[in-house]
Amino acid sequence: MSITRLGTGPRMAQAVIHGTTVHLAGQVGNGADITAQTRDMLANVEHWLDAAGSDKSHLVSATIWLANMDDFAAMNAVWEAWVDPENPPARACTEARLAAPEFLVEVMVTAARRADR
């Protein structure tokens, strides 16, 4: 089975497609607060899923890291407005020190490719 990499750089790819499975690298967003960063982060997820032939209705799993669990409710408000309510993924969320102090949230998702791809 072939492997396709999208958005490659010297360290990593933003998306890796193996067969009918899409793996995204950890995605972060820009913004002054958790709400803005979560919205931007999820827009990045949508971009890479689309580029890989998938979409949020095909999510299989999501792992979310928060710099501070005090932001859990605000992040969930954005997530719940975004996620496909008919097709939610398996999900975990935990607190972790992220790669840079300005990052408040990061997500890594796995999805199935759409049948038309």
Protein backbone atom coordinates (compact mmCIF):
# COMPACT_ATOMS: atom_id res chain seq x y z
CA MET A 1 0.00 0.00 0.00
CA SER A 2 1.35 3.42 -0.88
CA ILE A 3 2.04 6.24 1.54
CA THR A 4 1.43 9.87 0.53
CA ARG A 5 2.74 12.80 2.54
CA LEU A 6 1.33 16.34 2.33
CA GLY A 7 2.81 19.57 3.65
CA THR A 8 6.24 18.04 4.14
CA GLY A 9 9.12 19.88 5.70
CA PRO A 10 12.49 18.93 7.12
CA ARG A 11 10.94 17.61 10.35
CA MET A 12 7.50 16.24 9.50
CA ALA A 13 4.50 16.09 7.21
CA GLN A 14 1.23 17.83 8.03
CA ALA A 15 -0.75 14.84 6.74
CA VAL A 16 0.14 11.24 5.93
CA ILE A 17 -2.23 9.07 3.92
CA HIS A 18 -1.82 5.30 4.16
CA GLY A 19 -4.46 3.41 2.25
CA THR A 20 -7.79 4.80 3.39
CA THR A 21 -6.46 6.32 6.63
CA VAL A 22 -5.40 9.94 7.10
CA HIS A 23 -3.11 10.90 9.99
CA LEU A 24 -2.64 14.60 10.73
CA ALA A 25 0.28 16.08 12.59
CA GLY A 26 -0.51 18.05 15.70
CA GLN A 27 -2.36 21.21 14.70
CA VAL A 28 -2.28 24.48 16.62
CA GLY A 29 -3.92 27.83 15.94
CA ASN A 30 -3.30 31.51 16.30
CA GLY A 31 -5.25 33.86 18.51
CA ALA A 32 -5.28 35.74 21.77
CA ASP A 33 -7.33 33.22 23.73
CA ILE A 34 -8.41 29.59 23.80
CA THR A 35 -11.56 30.29 21.77
CA ALA A 36 -9.68 31.97 18.93
CA GLN A 37 -6.89 29.38 18.95
CA THR A 38 -9.34 26.48 18.93
CA ARG A 39 -11.28 27.94 15.99
CA ASP A 40 -8.09 28.53 14.02
CA MET A 41 -6.73 25.10 14.92
CA LEU A 42 -9.91 23.40 13.70
CA ALA A 43 -9.77 25.40 10.46
CA ASN A 44 -6.25 23.97 9.99
CA VAL A 45 -7.63 20.47 10.62
CA GLU A 46 -10.33 21.01 7.99
CA HIS A 47 -7.75 22.29 5.50
CA TRP A 48 -5.49 19.24 5.83
CA LEU A 49 -8.39 16.76 5.92
CA ASP A 50 -9.73 18.26 2.70
CA ALA A 51 -6.28 18.12 1.08
CA ALA A 52 -6.07 14.44 2.05
CA GLY A 53 -9.54 13.56 0.72
CA SER A 54 -11.38 13.51 4.02
CA ASP A 55 -13.51 15.74 6.22
CA LYS A 56 -14.63 16.07 9.83
CA SER A 57 -17.49 13.60 9.32
CA HIS A 58 -14.83 10.92 8.75
CA LEU A 59 -12.86 11.54 11.96
CA VAL A 60 -11.96 8.35 13.79
CA SER A 61 -10.01 9.73 16.74
CA ALA A 62 -8.77 12.98 18.23
CA THR A 63 -6.26 13.72 20.95
CA ILE A 64 -6.36 17.23 22.38
CA TRP A 65 -3.72 18.81 24.59
CA LEU A 66 -4.48 21.93 26.61
CA ALA A 67 -1.80 24.08 28.20
CA ASN A 68 -4.23 24.61 31.07
CA MET A 69 -7.26 22.45 31.92
CA ASP A 70 -9.01 25.63 33.10
CA ASP A 71 -9.65 26.18 29.36
CA PHE A 72 -11.48 22.84 28.98
CA ALA A 73 -15.02 24.28 28.91
CA ALA A 74 -14.17 27.09 26.48
CA MET A 75 -12.33 24.72 24.14
CA ASN A 76 -15.24 22.24 24.31
CA ALA A 77 -17.72 24.99 23.38
CA VAL A 78 -15.84 25.56 20.11
CA TRP A 79 -15.25 21.84 19.54
CA GLU A 80 -18.92 20.95 20.06
CA ALA A 81 -20.04 23.66 17.62
CA TRP A 82 -17.54 22.33 15.05
CA VAL A 83 -17.63 18.53 15.32
CA ASP A 84 -20.12 16.56 13.20
CA PRO A 85 -22.73 15.57 15.83
CA GLU A 86 -23.72 12.51 13.80
CA ASN A 87 -20.11 11.28 13.53
CA PRO A 88 -18.07 12.27 16.58
CA PRO A 89 -14.63 10.66 16.94
CA ALA A 90 -13.20 8.80 19.87
CA ARG A 91 -11.48 11.55 21.83
CA ALA A 92 -9.08 12.22 24.68
CA CYS A 93 -8.08 15.53 26.22
CA THR A 94 -5.30 16.19 28.67
CA GLU A 95 -3.11 18.96 30.00
CA ALA A 96 0.44 19.25 28.70
CA ARG A 97 3.19 21.77 28.21
CA LEU A 98 3.00 22.59 24.50
CA ALA A 99 5.86 23.37 22.09
CA ALA A 100 5.74 27.13 22.64
CA PRO A 101 4.28 29.18 25.48
CA GLU A 102 1.88 31.05 23.18
CA PHE A 103 0.10 27.81 22.23
CA LEU A 104 -2.93 27.05 24.40
CA VAL A 105 -4.30 24.02 22.53
CA GLU A 106 -3.16 21.36 20.07
CA VAL A 107 -5.02 18.51 18.40
CA MET A 108 -3.96 15.42 16.49
CA VAL A 109 -6.57 13.53 14.48
CA THR A 110 -6.95 10.36 12.45
CA ALA A 111 -9.65 10.07 9.81
CA ALA A 112 -10.86 7.77 7.08
CA ARG A 113 -10.70 9.02 3.51
CA ARG A 114 -13.99 9.70 1.74
CA ALA A 115 -15.18 6.90 -0.55
CA ASP A 116 -14.95 9.25 -3.57
CA ARG A 117 -11.18 9.58 -3.12
